[in-house]
Amino acid sequence: MPSVRLWESQIKRLKKNAGHGGTVITLAVRRWQNGTLVIDFNKEEEKRQEILQVYPITKKIEGLSSKKIRMILDAHRANPAIRYDDEIDELGKTIDFLTNAHVKKVNRQNQKSLKICKSFMEGF
């Protein structure tokens, strides 16, 4: 079974996620691969008074050592992913408002055009 060597405190945090520790690791690595999480791997890893322990994962992460994964997890915890939910909701409300305003304007213009056409047709 594939595994990584993590600090004791990292394992405790992962276990708080009720069995989703592997998912947290995968998401952190994905953020790093996408460029939303920047890490300087040339920097020395923080010295800790902890023990490294083996943490089982379901799928081996190719090309990353345990040291890099530990650094990615620390950066992931220190820089939580940005949530855009509130901004998306606000923009959705703005789009709805502008769409409704535009539809009302078009409807008024159509009504005026219809009245002009009716009055023109009455003349014949």
PDB file of N, CA and C in Angstrom:
ATOM      1  N   MET A   1       0.853  -1.173   0.000  1.00  0.00           N
ATOM      2  CA  MET A   1       0.000   0.000   0.000  1.00  0.00           C
ATOM      3  C   MET A   1       0.900   1.238   0.000  1.00  0.00           C
ATOM      4  N   PRO A   2       0.610   2.216  -0.869  1.00  0.00           N
ATOM      5  CA  PRO A   2       1.427   3.423  -0.900  1.00  0.00           C
ATOM      6  C   PRO A   2       1.245   4.243   0.379  1.00  0.00           C
ATOM      7  N   SER A   3       2.278   4.975   0.718  1.00  0.00           N
ATOM      8  CA  SER A   3       2.207   5.794   1.929  1.00  0.00           C
ATOM      9  C   SER A   3       3.163   6.975   1.798  1.00  0.00           C
ATOM     10  N   VAL A   4       2.984   7.949   2.690  1.00  0.00           N
ATOM     11  CA  VAL A   4       3.885   9.094   2.789  1.00  0.00           C
ATOM     12  C   VAL A   4       4.284   9.249   4.244  1.00  0.00           C
ATOM     13  N   ARG A   5       5.415   9.880   4.454  1.00  0.00           N
ATOM     14  CA  ARG A   5       5.859  10.142   5.828  1.00  0.00           C
ATOM     15  C   ARG A   5       5.481  11.575   6.168  1.00  0.00           C
ATOM     16  N   LEU A   6       4.601  11.708   7.163  1.00  0.00           N
ATOM     17  CA  LEU A   6       4.103  13.020   7.571  1.00  0.00           C
ATOM     18  C   LEU A   6       4.429  13.271   9.033  1.00  0.00           C
ATOM     19  N   TRP A   7       4.410  14.553   9.386  1.00  0.00           N
ATOM     20  CA  TRP A   7       4.590  14.910  10.785  1.00  0.00           C
ATOM     21  C   TRP A   7       3.364  14.473  11.577  1.00  0.00           C
ATOM     22  N   GLU A   8       3.568  14.208  12.826  1.00  0.00           N
ATOM     23  CA  GLU A   8       2.500  13.766  13.719  1.00  0.00           C
ATOM     24  C   GLU A   8       1.327  14.746  13.725  1.00  0.00           C
ATOM     25  N   SER A   9       1.618  16.054  13.757  1.00  0.00           N
ATOM     26  CA  SER A   9       0.552  17.065  13.777  1.00  0.00           C
ATOM     27  C   SER A   9      -0.233  17.070  12.462  1.00  0.00           C
ATOM     28  N   GLN A  10       0.434  16.800  11.350  1.00  0.00           N
ATOM     29  CA  GLN A  10      -0.267  16.737  10.069  1.00  0.00           C
ATOM     30  C   GLN A  10      -1.222  15.549  10.039  1.00  0.00           C
ATOM     31  N   ILE A  11      -0.776  14.445  10.580  1.00  0.00           N
ATOM     32  CA  ILE A  11      -1.623  13.253  10.617  1.00  0.00           C
ATOM     33  C   ILE A  11      -2.842  13.497  11.508  1.00  0.00           C
ATOM     34  N   LYS A  12      -2.645  14.164  12.634  1.00  0.00           N
ATOM     35  CA  LYS A  12      -3.782  14.473  13.524  1.00  0.00           C
ATOM     36  C   LYS A  12      -4.813  15.321  12.795  1.00  0.00           C
ATOM     37  N   ARG A  13      -4.352  16.330  12.035  1.00  0.00           N
ATOM     38  CA  ARG A  13      -5.281  17.183  11.280  1.00  0.00           C
ATOM     39  C   ARG A  13      -6.013  16.380  10.208  1.00  0.00           C
ATOM     40  N   LEU A  14      -5.289  15.496   9.547  1.00  0.00           N
ATOM     41  CA  LEU A  14      -5.920  14.681   8.504  1.00  0.00           C
ATOM     42  C   LEU A  14      -6.955  13.727   9.086  1.00  0.00           C
ATOM     43  N   LYS A  15      -6.682  13.186  10.269  1.00  0.00           N
ATOM     44  CA  LYS A  15      -7.626  12.256  10.895  1.00  0.00           C
ATOM     45  C   LYS A  15      -8.898  12.962  11.358  1.00  0.00           C
ATOM     46  N   LYS A  16      -8.827  14.274  11.594  1.00  0.00           N
ATOM     47  CA  LYS A  16     -10.024  15.031  11.968  1.00  0.00           C
ATOM     48  C   LYS A  16     -11.031  15.071  10.835  1.00  0.00           C
ATOM     49  N   ASN A  17     -10.575  14.817   9.617  1.00  0.00           N
ATOM     50  CA  ASN A  17     -11.454  14.847   8.445  1.00  0.00           C
ATOM     51  C   ASN A  17     -12.202  13.534   8.247  1.00  0.00           C
ATOM     52  N   ALA A  18     -12.260  12.721   9.240  1.00  0.00           N
ATOM     53  CA  ALA A  18     -13.042  11.470   9.250  1.00  0.00           C
ATOM     54  C   ALA A  18     -12.822  10.615   8.003  1.00  0.00           C
ATOM     55  N   GLY A  19     -11.572  10.228   7.794  1.00  0.00           N
ATOM     56  CA  GLY A  19     -11.285   9.317   6.691  1.00  0.00           C
ATOM     57  C   GLY A  19     -11.050   9.973   5.345  1.00  0.00           C
ATOM     58  N   HIS A  20     -11.021  11.300   5.316  1.00  0.00           N
ATOM     59  CA  HIS A  20     -10.824  12.000   4.054  1.00  0.00           C
ATOM     60  C   HIS A  20      -9.425  12.609   3.948  1.00  0.00           C
ATOM     61  N   GLY A  21      -8.492  12.092   4.695  1.00  0.00           N
ATOM     62  CA  GLY A  21      -7.128  12.613   4.680  1.00  0.00           C
ATOM     63  C   GLY A  21      -6.469  12.498   3.316  1.00  0.00           C
ATOM     64  N   GLY A  22      -6.717  11.381   2.646  1.00  0.00           N
ATOM     65  CA  GLY A  22      -6.173  11.196   1.303  1.00  0.00           C
ATOM     66  C   GLY A  22      -6.714  12.229   0.330  1.00  0.00           C
ATOM     67  N   THR A  23      -7.993  12.580   0.505  1.00  0.00           N
ATOM     68  CA  THR A  23      -8.607  13.601  -0.348  1.00  0.00           C
ATOM     69  C   THR A  23      -7.966  14.956  -0.098  1.00  0.00           C
ATOM     70  N   VAL A  24      -7.692  15.266   1.168  1.00  0.00           N
ATOM     71  CA  VAL A  24      -7.041  16.529   1.505  1.00  0.00           C
ATOM     72  C   VAL A  24      -5.662  16.597   0.852  1.00  0.00           C
ATOM     73  N   ILE A  25      -4.922  15.504   0.929  1.00  0.00           N
ATOM     74  CA  ILE A  25      -3.592  15.460   0.307  1.00  0.00           C
ATOM     75  C   ILE A  25      -3.726  15.658  -1.198  1.00  0.00           C
ATOM     76  N   THR A  26      -4.667  14.958  -1.815  1.00  0.00           N
ATOM     77  CA  THR A  26      -4.870  15.076  -3.262  1.00  0.00           C
ATOM     78  C   THR A  26      -5.230  16.501  -3.657  1.00  0.00           C
ATOM     79  N   LEU A  27      -6.128  17.140  -2.909  1.00  0.00           N
ATOM     80  CA  LEU A  27      -6.523  18.516  -3.213  1.00  0.00           C
ATOM     81  C   LEU A  27      -5.359  19.490  -3.040  1.00  0.00           C
ATOM     82  N   ALA A  28      -4.573  19.290  -2.006  1.00  0.00           N
ATOM     83  CA  ALA A  28      -3.417  20.157  -1.780  1.00  0.00           C
ATOM     84  C   ALA A  28      -2.418  20.020  -2.927  1.00  0.00           C
ATOM     85  N   VAL A  29      -2.164  18.799  -3.340  1.00  0.00           N
ATOM     86  CA  VAL A  29      -1.235  18.564  -4.456  1.00  0.00           C
ATOM     87  C   VAL A  29      -1.800  19.157  -5.746  1.00  0.00           C
ATOM     88  N   ARG A  30      -3.101  19.001  -5.949  1.00  0.00           N
ATOM     89  CA  ARG A  30      -3.737  19.562  -7.147  1.00  0.00           C
ATOM     90  C   ARG A  30      -3.632  21.090  -7.158  1.00  0.00           C
ATOM     91  N   ARG A  31      -3.833  21.721  -5.998  1.00  0.00           N
ATOM     92  CA  ARG A  31      -3.671  23.182  -5.911  1.00  0.00           C
ATOM     93  C   ARG A  31      -2.252  23.577  -6.282  1.00  0.00           C
ATOM     94  N   TRP A  32      -1.283  22.810  -5.800  1.00  0.00           N
ATOM     95  CA  TRP A  32       0.117  23.102  -6.113  1.00  0.00           C
ATOM     96  C   TRP A  32       0.371  22.914  -7.612  1.00  0.00           C
ATOM     97  N   GLN A  33      -0.167  21.851  -8.189  1.00  0.00           N
ATOM     98  CA  GLN A  33       0.028  21.600  -9.618  1.00  0.00           C
ATOM     99  C   GLN A  33      -0.640  22.670 -10.480  1.00  0.00           C
ATOM    100  N   ASN A  34      -1.786  23.188 -10.027  1.00  0.00           N
ATOM    101  CA  ASN A  34      -2.498  24.234 -10.773  1.00  0.00           C
ATOM    102  C   ASN A  34      -1.851  25.604 -10.626  1.00  0.00           C
ATOM    103  N   GLY A  35      -0.940  25.733  -9.681  1.00  0.00           N
ATOM    104  CA  GLY A  35      -0.268  27.011  -9.485  1.00  0.00           C
ATOM    105  C   GLY A  35      -0.954  27.934  -8.497  1.00  0.00           C
ATOM    106  N   THR A  36      -2.019  27.478  -7.843  1.00  0.00           N
ATOM    107  CA  THR A  36      -2.702  28.319  -6.857  1.00  0.00           C
ATOM    108  C   THR A  36      -2.044  28.234  -5.489  1.00  0.00           C
ATOM    109  N   LEU A  37      -1.072  27.359  -5.364  1.00  0.00           N
ATOM    110  CA  LEU A  37      -0.323  27.191  -4.122  1.00  0.00           C
ATOM    111  C   LEU A  37       1.156  27.177  -4.497  1.00  0.00           C
ATOM    112  N   VAL A  38       1.880  28.217  -4.095  1.00  0.00           N
ATOM    113  CA  VAL A  38       3.278  28.351  -4.492  1.00  0.00           C
ATOM    114  C   VAL A  38       4.172  27.978  -3.318  1.00  0.00           C
ATOM    115  N   ILE A  39       5.153  27.114  -3.603  1.00  0.00           N
ATOM    116  CA  ILE A  39       6.059  26.639  -2.558  1.00  0.00           C
ATOM    117  C   ILE A  39       7.486  26.706  -3.086  1.00  0.00           C
ATOM    118  N   ASP A  40       8.375  27.179  -2.246  1.00  0.00           N
ATOM    119  CA  ASP A  40       9.792  27.201  -2.600  1.00  0.00           C
ATOM    120  C   ASP A  40      10.432  25.947  -2.016  1.00  0.00           C
ATOM    121  N   PHE A  41      10.628  24.939  -2.873  1.00  0.00           N
ATOM    122  CA  PHE A  41      11.178  23.674  -2.398  1.00  0.00           C
ATOM    123  C   PHE A  41      12.668  23.771  -2.076  1.00  0.00           C
ATOM    124  N   ASN A  42      13.310  24.852  -2.497  1.00  0.00           N
ATOM    125  CA  ASN A  42      14.727  25.030  -2.181  1.00  0.00           C
ATOM    126  C   ASN A  42      14.922  25.476  -0.731  1.00  0.00           C
ATOM    127  N   LYS A  43      13.857  26.021  -0.156  1.00  0.00           N
ATOM    128  CA  LYS A  43      13.897  26.458   1.238  1.00  0.00           C
ATOM    129  C   LYS A  43      13.970  25.227   2.147  1.00  0.00           C
ATOM    130  N   GLU A  44      14.705  25.357   3.218  1.00  0.00           N
ATOM    131  CA  GLU A  44      14.812  24.243   4.174  1.00  0.00           C
ATOM    132  C   GLU A  44      13.465  23.990   4.835  1.00  0.00           C
ATOM    133  N   GLU A  45      13.165  22.722   5.042  1.00  0.00           N
ATOM    134  CA  GLU A  45      11.935  22.363   5.734  1.00  0.00           C
ATOM    135  C   GLU A  45      12.042  22.809   7.188  1.00  0.00           C
ATOM    136  N   GLU A  46      10.944  23.297   7.705  1.00  0.00           N
ATOM    137  CA  GLU A  46      10.888  23.776   9.084  1.00  0.00           C
ATOM    138  C   GLU A  46      11.310  22.667  10.057  1.00  0.00           C
ATOM    139  N   LYS A  47      12.171  23.021  11.005  1.00  0.00           N
ATOM    140  CA  LYS A  47      12.610  22.044  12.012  1.00  0.00           C
ATOM    141  C   LYS A  47      11.481  21.864  13.032  1.00  0.00           C
ATOM    142  N   ARG A  48      11.191  20.621  13.347  1.00  0.00           N
ATOM    143  CA  ARG A  48      10.113  20.324  14.287  1.00  0.00           C
ATOM    144  C   ARG A  48      10.604  19.340  15.337  1.00  0.00           C
ATOM    145  N   GLN A  49       9.958  19.425  16.459  1.00  0.00           N
ATOM    146  CA  GLN A  49      10.253  18.483  17.538  1.00  0.00           C
ATOM    147  C   GLN A  49       9.204  17.367  17.511  1.00  0.00           C
ATOM    148  N   GLU A  50       8.919  16.887  16.318  1.00  0.00           N
ATOM    149  CA  GLU A  50       7.908  15.852  16.159  1.00  0.00           C
ATOM    150  C   GLU A  50       8.528  14.628  15.499  1.00  0.00           C
ATOM    151  N   ILE A  51       7.766  13.587  15.514  1.00  0.00           N
ATOM    152  CA  ILE A  51       8.198  12.338  14.900  1.00  0.00           C
ATOM    153  C   ILE A  51       7.510  12.208  13.542  1.00  0.00           C
ATOM    154  N   LEU A  52       8.267  11.766  12.541  1.00  0.00           N
ATOM    155  CA  LEU A  52       7.674  11.450  11.247  1.00  0.00           C
ATOM    156  C   LEU A  52       7.008  10.094  11.342  1.00  0.00           C
ATOM    157  N   GLN A  53       5.784  10.018  10.847  1.00  0.00           N
ATOM    158  CA  GLN A  53       5.047   8.759  10.871  1.00  0.00           C
ATOM    159  C   GLN A  53       4.572   8.423   9.466  1.00  0.00           C
ATOM    160  N   VAL A  54       4.354   7.158   9.247  1.00  0.00           N
ATOM    161  CA  VAL A  54       3.868   6.695   7.947  1.00  0.00           C
ATOM    162  C   VAL A  54       2.350   6.876   7.903  1.00  0.00           C
ATOM    163  N   TYR A  55       1.870   7.487   6.819  1.00  0.00           N
ATOM    164  CA  TYR A  55       0.432   7.691   6.629  1.00  0.00           C
ATOM    165  C   TYR A  55       0.035   7.013   5.311  1.00  0.00           C
ATOM    166  N   PRO A  56      -0.862   6.023   5.377  1.00  0.00           N
ATOM    167  CA  PRO A  56      -1.239   5.306   4.148  1.00  0.00           C
ATOM    168  C   PRO A  56      -2.125   6.165   3.238  1.00  0.00           C
ATOM    169  N   ILE A  57      -1.881   6.070   1.949  1.00  0.00           N
ATOM    170  CA  ILE A  57      -2.723   6.745   0.952  1.00  0.00           C
ATOM    171  C   ILE A  57      -3.154   5.706  -0.076  1.00  0.00           C
ATOM    172  N   THR A  58      -4.240   5.984  -0.779  1.00  0.00           N
ATOM    173  CA  THR A  58      -4.780   4.990  -1.712  1.00  0.00           C
ATOM    174  C   THR A  58      -4.020   4.945  -3.026  1.00  0.00           C
ATOM    175  N   LYS A  59      -3.460   6.084  -3.443  1.00  0.00           N
ATOM    176  CA  LYS A  59      -2.773   6.130  -4.723  1.00  0.00           C
ATOM    177  C   LYS A  59      -1.465   6.887  -4.573  1.00  0.00           C
ATOM    178  N   LYS A  60      -0.388   6.312  -5.080  1.00  0.00           N
ATOM    179  CA  LYS A  60       0.917   6.953  -4.986  1.00  0.00           C
ATOM    180  C   LYS A  60       0.911   8.236  -5.808  1.00  0.00           C
ATOM    181  N   ILE A  61       1.504   9.270  -5.258  1.00  0.00           N
ATOM    182  CA  ILE A  61       1.606  10.544  -5.947  1.00  0.00           C
ATOM    183  C   ILE A  61       2.957  10.565  -6.651  1.00  0.00           C
ATOM    184  N   GLU A  62       2.919  10.442  -7.949  1.00  0.00           N
ATOM    185  CA  GLU A  62       4.138  10.331  -8.747  1.00  0.00           C
ATOM    186  C   GLU A  62       4.935  11.634  -8.733  1.00  0.00           C
ATOM    187  N   GLY A  63       6.243  11.502  -8.618  1.00  0.00           N
ATOM    188  CA  GLY A  63       7.133  12.649  -8.744  1.00  0.00           C
ATOM    189  C   GLY A  63       7.264  13.518  -7.512  1.00  0.00           C
ATOM    190  N   LEU A  64       6.605  13.155  -6.425  1.00  0.00           N
ATOM    191  CA  LEU A  64       6.689  13.959  -5.203  1.00  0.00           C
ATOM    192  C   LEU A  64       7.196  13.102  -4.049  1.00  0.00           C
ATOM    193  N   SER A  65       8.210  13.600  -3.390  1.00  0.00           N
ATOM    194  CA  SER A  65       8.728  12.907  -2.212  1.00  0.00           C
ATOM    195  C   SER A  65       7.851  13.239  -1.009  1.00  0.00           C
ATOM    196  N   SER A  66       8.023  12.484   0.051  1.00  0.00           N
ATOM    197  CA  SER A  66       7.280  12.762   1.286  1.00  0.00           C
ATOM    198  C   SER A  66       7.585  14.164   1.795  1.00  0.00           C
ATOM    199  N   LYS A  67       8.841  14.597   1.659  1.00  0.00           N
ATOM    200  CA  LYS A  67       9.229  15.939   2.109  1.00  0.00           C
ATOM    201  C   LYS A  67       8.433  17.006   1.365  1.00  0.00           C
ATOM    202  N   LYS A  68       8.312  16.865   0.047  1.00  0.00           N
ATOM    203  CA  LYS A  68       7.561  17.847  -0.739  1.00  0.00           C
ATOM    204  C   LYS A  68       6.079  17.817  -0.381  1.00  0.00           C
ATOM    205  N   ILE A  69       5.555  16.632  -0.165  1.00  0.00           N
ATOM    206  CA  ILE A  69       4.136  16.523   0.222  1.00  0.00           C
ATOM    207  C   ILE A  69       3.909  17.174   1.579  1.00  0.00           C
ATOM    208  N   ARG A  70       4.838  17.000   2.513  1.00  0.00           N
ATOM    209  CA  ARG A  70       4.708  17.670   3.822  1.00  0.00           C
ATOM    210  C   ARG A  70       4.693  19.187   3.647  1.00  0.00           C
ATOM    211  N   MET A  71       5.574  19.690   2.788  1.00  0.00           N
ATOM    212  CA  MET A  71       5.638  21.137   2.557  1.00  0.00           C
ATOM    213  C   MET A  71       4.360  21.644   1.878  1.00  0.00           C
ATOM    214  N   ILE A  72       3.835  20.849   0.941  1.00  0.00           N
ATOM    215  CA  ILE A  72       2.585  21.219   0.268  1.00  0.00           C
ATOM    216  C   ILE A  72       1.439  21.254   1.270  1.00  0.00           C
ATOM    217  N   LEU A  73       1.363  20.253   2.162  1.00  0.00           N
ATOM    218  CA  LEU A  73       0.301  20.231   3.168  1.00  0.00           C
ATOM    219  C   LEU A  73       0.394  21.424   4.111  1.00  0.00           C
ATOM    220  N   ASP A  74       1.615  21.783   4.529  1.00  0.00           N
ATOM    221  CA  ASP A  74       1.780  22.953   5.400  1.00  0.00           C
ATOM    222  C   ASP A  74       1.329  24.228   4.694  1.00  0.00           C
ATOM    223  N   ALA A  75       1.694  24.373   3.420  1.00  0.00           N
ATOM    224  CA  ALA A  75       1.289  25.562   2.662  1.00  0.00           C
ATOM    225  C   ALA A  75      -0.225  25.575   2.439  1.00  0.00           C
ATOM    226  N   HIS A  76      -0.792  24.402   2.206  1.00  0.00           N
ATOM    227  CA  HIS A  76      -2.237  24.281   2.003  1.00  0.00           C
ATOM    228  C   HIS A  76      -2.998  24.717   3.253  1.00  0.00           C
ATOM    229  N   ARG A  77      -2.482  24.349   4.409  1.00  0.00           N
ATOM    230  CA  ARG A  77      -3.117  24.731   5.674  1.00  0.00           C
ATOM    231  C   ARG A  77      -2.928  26.223   5.947  1.00  0.00           C
ATOM    232  N   ALA A  78      -1.756  26.745   5.634  1.00  0.00           N
ATOM    233  CA  ALA A  78      -1.462  28.151   5.903  1.00  0.00           C
ATOM    234  C   ALA A  78      -2.190  29.086   4.937  1.00  0.00           C
ATOM    235  N   ASN A  79      -2.503  28.602   3.743  1.00  0.00           N
ATOM    236  CA  ASN A  79      -3.163  29.422   2.710  1.00  0.00           C
ATOM    237  C   ASN A  79      -4.409  28.703   2.218  1.00  0.00           C
ATOM    238  N   PRO A  80      -5.500  28.824   2.951  1.00  0.00           N
ATOM    239  CA  PRO A  80      -6.715  28.114   2.544  1.00  0.00           C
ATOM    240  C   PRO A  80      -7.171  28.561   1.157  1.00  0.00           C
ATOM    241  N   ALA A  81      -7.851  27.663   0.471  1.00  0.00           N
ATOM    242  CA  ALA A  81      -8.364  27.967  -0.865  1.00  0.00           C
ATOM    243  C   ALA A  81      -9.364  29.118  -0.773  1.00  0.00           C
ATOM    244  N   ILE A  82      -9.326  29.988  -1.759  1.00  0.00           N
ATOM    245  CA  ILE A  82     -10.238  31.132  -1.795  1.00  0.00           C
ATOM    246  C   ILE A  82     -11.624  30.632  -2.189  1.00  0.00           C
ATOM    247  N   ARG A  83     -12.623  31.068  -1.462  1.00  0.00           N
ATOM    248  CA  ARG A  83     -14.008  30.695  -1.752  1.00  0.00           C
ATOM    249  C   ARG A  83     -14.675  31.848  -2.493  1.00  0.00           C
ATOM    250  N   TYR A  84     -15.233  31.568  -3.647  1.00  0.00           N
ATOM    251  CA  TYR A  84     -15.861  32.592  -4.469  1.00  0.00           C
ATOM    252  C   TYR A  84     -17.385  32.511  -4.424  1.00  0.00           C
ATOM    253  N   ASP A  85     -17.942  31.689  -3.542  1.00  0.00           N
ATOM    254  CA  ASP A  85     -19.382  31.472  -3.509  1.00  0.00           C
ATOM    255  C   ASP A  85     -20.172  32.767  -3.323  1.00  0.00           C
ATOM    256  N   ASP A  86     -19.762  33.610  -2.371  1.00  0.00           N
ATOM    257  CA  ASP A  86     -20.491  34.857  -2.112  1.00  0.00           C
ATOM    258  C   ASP A  86     -20.424  35.795  -3.304  1.00  0.00           C
ATOM    259  N   GLU A  87     -19.240  35.897  -3.915  1.00  0.00           N
ATOM    260  CA  GLU A  87     -19.098  36.770  -5.081  1.00  0.00           C
ATOM    261  C   GLU A  87     -19.945  36.271  -6.249  1.00  0.00           C
ATOM    262  N   ILE A  88     -19.985  34.953  -6.427  1.00  0.00           N
ATOM    263  CA  ILE A  88     -20.793  34.380  -7.505  1.00  0.00           C
ATOM    264  C   ILE A  88     -22.268  34.679  -7.266  1.00  0.00           C
ATOM    265  N   ASP A  89     -22.735  34.548  -6.018  1.00  0.00           N
ATOM    266  CA  ASP A  89     -24.131  34.858  -5.689  1.00  0.00           C
ATOM    267  C   ASP A  89     -24.455  36.316  -5.988  1.00  0.00           C
ATOM    268  N   GLU A  90     -23.561  37.235  -5.581  1.00  0.00           N
ATOM    269  CA  GLU A  90     -23.776  38.666  -5.830  1.00  0.00           C
ATOM    270  C   GLU A  90     -23.823  38.958  -7.328  1.00  0.00           C
ATOM    271  N   LEU A  91     -22.903  38.367  -8.072  1.00  0.00           N
ATOM    272  CA  LEU A  91     -22.890  38.590  -9.519  1.00  0.00           C
ATOM    273  C   LEU A  91     -24.143  38.007 -10.170  1.00  0.00           C
ATOM    274  N   GLY A  92     -24.612  36.872  -9.668  1.00  0.00           N
ATOM    275  CA  GLY A  92     -25.842  36.287 -10.182  1.00  0.00           C
ATOM    276  C   GLY A  92     -27.029  37.212  -9.968  1.00  0.00           C
ATOM    277  N   LYS A  93     -27.107  37.845  -8.794  1.00  0.00           N
ATOM    278  CA  LYS A  93     -28.190  38.795  -8.507  1.00  0.00           C
ATOM    279  C   LYS A  93     -28.097  40.001  -9.431  1.00  0.00           C
ATOM    280  N   THR A  94     -26.875  40.478  -9.667  1.00  0.00           N
ATOM    281  CA  THR A  94     -26.689  41.628 -10.552  1.00  0.00           C
ATOM    282  C   THR A  94     -27.114  41.280 -11.976  1.00  0.00           C
ATOM    283  N   ILE A  95     -26.744  40.091 -12.434  1.00  0.00           N
ATOM    284  CA  ILE A  95     -27.129  39.653 -13.777  1.00  0.00           C
ATOM    285  C   ILE A  95     -28.645  39.551 -13.882  1.00  0.00           C
ATOM    286  N   ASP A  96     -29.289  38.987 -12.876  1.00  0.00           N
ATOM    287  CA  ASP A  96     -30.756  38.888 -12.880  1.00  0.00           C
ATOM    288  C   ASP A  96     -31.396  40.263 -12.941  1.00  0.00           C
ATOM    289  N   PHE A  97     -30.880  41.192 -12.136  1.00  0.00           N
ATOM    290  CA  PHE A  97     -31.432  42.549 -12.108  1.00  0.00           C
ATOM    291  C   PHE A  97     -31.297  43.206 -13.476  1.00  0.00           C
ATOM    292  N   LEU A  98     -30.103  43.124 -14.069  1.00  0.00           N
ATOM    293  CA  LEU A  98     -29.870  43.759 -15.371  1.00  0.00           C
ATOM    294  C   LEU A  98     -30.692  43.088 -16.473  1.00  0.00           C
ATOM    295  N   THR A  99     -30.840  41.785 -16.410  1.00  0.00           N
ATOM    296  CA  THR A  99     -31.646  41.074 -17.402  1.00  0.00           C
ATOM    297  C   THR A  99     -33.102  41.497 -17.306  1.00  0.00           C
ATOM    298  N   ASN A 100     -33.618  41.566 -16.076  1.00  0.00           N
ATOM    299  CA  ASN A 100     -35.015  41.984 -15.887  1.00  0.00           C
ATOM    300  C   ASN A 100     -35.220  43.415 -16.360  1.00  0.00           C
ATOM    301  N   ALA A 101     -34.270  44.292 -16.063  1.00  0.00           N
ATOM    302  CA  ALA A 101     -34.383  45.689 -16.497  1.00  0.00           C
ATOM    303  C   ALA A 101     -34.380  45.765 -18.023  1.00  0.00           C
ATOM    304  N   HIS A 102     -33.533  44.981 -18.660  1.00  0.00           N
ATOM    305  CA  HIS A 102     -33.462  44.983 -20.125  1.00  0.00           C
ATOM    306  C   HIS A 102     -34.755  44.443 -20.736  1.00  0.00           C
ATOM    307  N   VAL A 103     -35.279  43.372 -20.163  1.00  0.00           N
ATOM    308  CA  VAL A 103     -36.519  42.783 -20.674  1.00  0.00           C
ATOM    309  C   VAL A 103     -37.658  43.787 -20.543  1.00  0.00           C
ATOM    310  N   LYS A 104     -37.740  44.492 -19.429  1.00  0.00           N
ATOM    311  CA  LYS A 104     -38.789  45.498 -19.239  1.00  0.00           C
ATOM    312  C   LYS A 104     -38.662  46.603 -20.282  1.00  0.00           C
ATOM    313  N   LYS A 105     -37.439  47.037 -20.552  1.00  0.00           N
ATOM    314  CA  LYS A 105     -37.202  48.094 -21.533  1.00  0.00           C
ATOM    315  C   LYS A 105     -37.625  47.630 -22.927  1.00  0.00           C
ATOM    316  N   VAL A 106     -37.251  46.418 -23.284  1.00  0.00           N
ATOM    317  CA  VAL A 106     -37.615  45.871 -24.594  1.00  0.00           C
ATOM    318  C   VAL A 106     -39.132  45.724 -24.700  1.00  0.00           C
ATOM    319  N   ASN A 107     -39.761  45.271 -23.624  1.00  0.00           N
ATOM    320  CA  ASN A 107     -41.221  45.131 -23.630  1.00  0.00           C
ATOM    321  C   ASN A 107     -41.904  46.480 -23.839  1.00  0.00           C
ATOM    322  N   ARG A 108     -41.385  47.533 -23.169  1.00  0.00           N
ATOM    323  CA  ARG A 108     -41.968  48.882 -23.347  1.00  0.00           C
ATOM    324  C   ARG A 108     -41.801  49.339 -24.789  1.00  0.00           C
ATOM    325  N   GLN A 109     -40.633  49.086 -25.362  1.00  0.00           N
ATOM    326  CA  GLN A 109     -40.393  49.476 -26.749  1.00  0.00           C
ATOM    327  C   GLN A 109     -41.315  48.706 -27.689  1.00  0.00           C
ATOM    328  N   ASN A 110     -41.508  47.425 -27.402  1.00  0.00           N
ATOM    329  CA  ASN A 110     -42.406  46.616 -28.231  1.00  0.00           C
ATOM    330  C   ASN A 110     -43.840  47.113 -28.137  1.00  0.00           C
ATOM    331  N   GLN A 111     -44.258  47.520 -26.946  1.00  0.00           N
ATOM    332  CA  GLN A 111     -45.614  48.048 -26.762  1.00  0.00           C
ATOM    333  C   GLN A 111     -45.805  49.322 -27.577  1.00  0.00           C
ATOM    334  N   LYS A 112     -44.795  50.213 -27.535  1.00  0.00           N
ATOM    335  CA  LYS A 112     -44.860  51.455 -28.321  1.00  0.00           C
ATOM    336  C   LYS A 112     -44.928  51.138 -29.811  1.00  0.00           C
ATOM    337  N   SER A 113     -44.108  50.197 -30.256  1.00  0.00           N
ATOM    338  CA  SER A 113     -44.105  49.816 -31.665  1.00  0.00           C
ATOM    339  C   SER A 113     -45.446  49.222 -32.066  1.00  0.00           C
ATOM    340  N   LEU A 114     -46.029  48.430 -31.200  1.00  0.00           N
ATOM    341  CA  LEU A 114     -47.323  47.816 -31.463  1.00  0.00           C
ATOM    342  C   LEU A 114     -48.401  48.883 -31.587  1.00  0.00           C
ATOM    343  N   LYS A 115     -48.392  49.877 -30.701  1.00  0.00           N
ATOM    344  CA  LYS A 115     -49.373  50.969 -30.764  1.00  0.00           C
ATOM    345  C   LYS A 115     -49.219  51.744 -32.068  1.00  0.00           C
ATOM    346  N   ILE A 116     -47.990  52.000 -32.476  1.00  0.00           N
ATOM    347  CA  ILE A 116     -47.747  52.732 -33.724  1.00  0.00           C
ATOM    348  C   ILE A 116     -48.264  51.931 -34.907  1.00  0.00           C
ATOM    349  N   CYS A 117     -48.003  50.635 -34.904  1.00  0.00           N
ATOM    350  CA  CYS A 117     -48.476  49.777 -35.989  1.00  0.00           C
ATOM    351  C   CYS A 117     -49.996  49.733 -36.044  1.00  0.00           C
ATOM    352  N   LYS A 118     -50.643  49.633 -34.868  1.00  0.00           N
ATOM    353  CA  LYS A 118     -52.109  49.582 -34.810  1.00  0.00           C
ATOM    354  C   LYS A 118     -52.703  50.883 -35.336  1.00  0.00           C
ATOM    355  N   SER A 119     -52.126  52.014 -34.896  1.00  0.00           N
ATOM    356  CA  SER A 119     -52.667  53.304 -35.368  1.00  0.00           C
ATOM    357  C   SER A 119     -52.428  53.479 -36.862  1.00  0.00           C
ATOM    358  N   PHE A 120     -51.335  52.977 -37.361  1.00  0.00           N
ATOM    359  CA  PHE A 120     -51.041  53.049 -38.789  1.00  0.00           C
ATOM    360  C   PHE A 120     -52.017  52.197 -39.572  1.00  0.00           C
ATOM    361  N   MET A 121     -52.325  50.984 -39.048  1.00  0.00           N
ATOM    362  CA  MET A 121     -53.231  50.062 -39.710  1.00  0.00           C
ATOM    363  C   MET A 121     -54.659  50.586 -39.690  1.00  0.00           C
ATOM    364  N   GLU A 122     -55.034  51.337 -38.663  1.00  0.00           N
ATOM    365  CA  GLU A 122     -56.390  51.893 -38.572  1.00  0.00           C
ATOM    366  C   GLU A 122     -56.617  52.936 -39.652  1.00  0.00           C
ATOM    367  N   GLY A 123     -55.533  53.527 -40.101  1.00  0.00           N
ATOM    368  CA  GLY A 123     -55.646  54.562 -41.126  1.00  0.00           C
ATOM    369  C   GLY A 123     -55.993  54.000 -42.498  1.00  0.00           C
ATOM    370  N   PHE A 124     -55.871  52.710 -42.668  1.00  0.00           N
ATOM    371  CA  PHE A 124     -56.173  52.112 -43.971  1.00  0.00           C
ATOM    372  C   PHE A 124     -57.586  51.656 -44.039  1.00  0.00           C
TER     373      PHE A 124
END
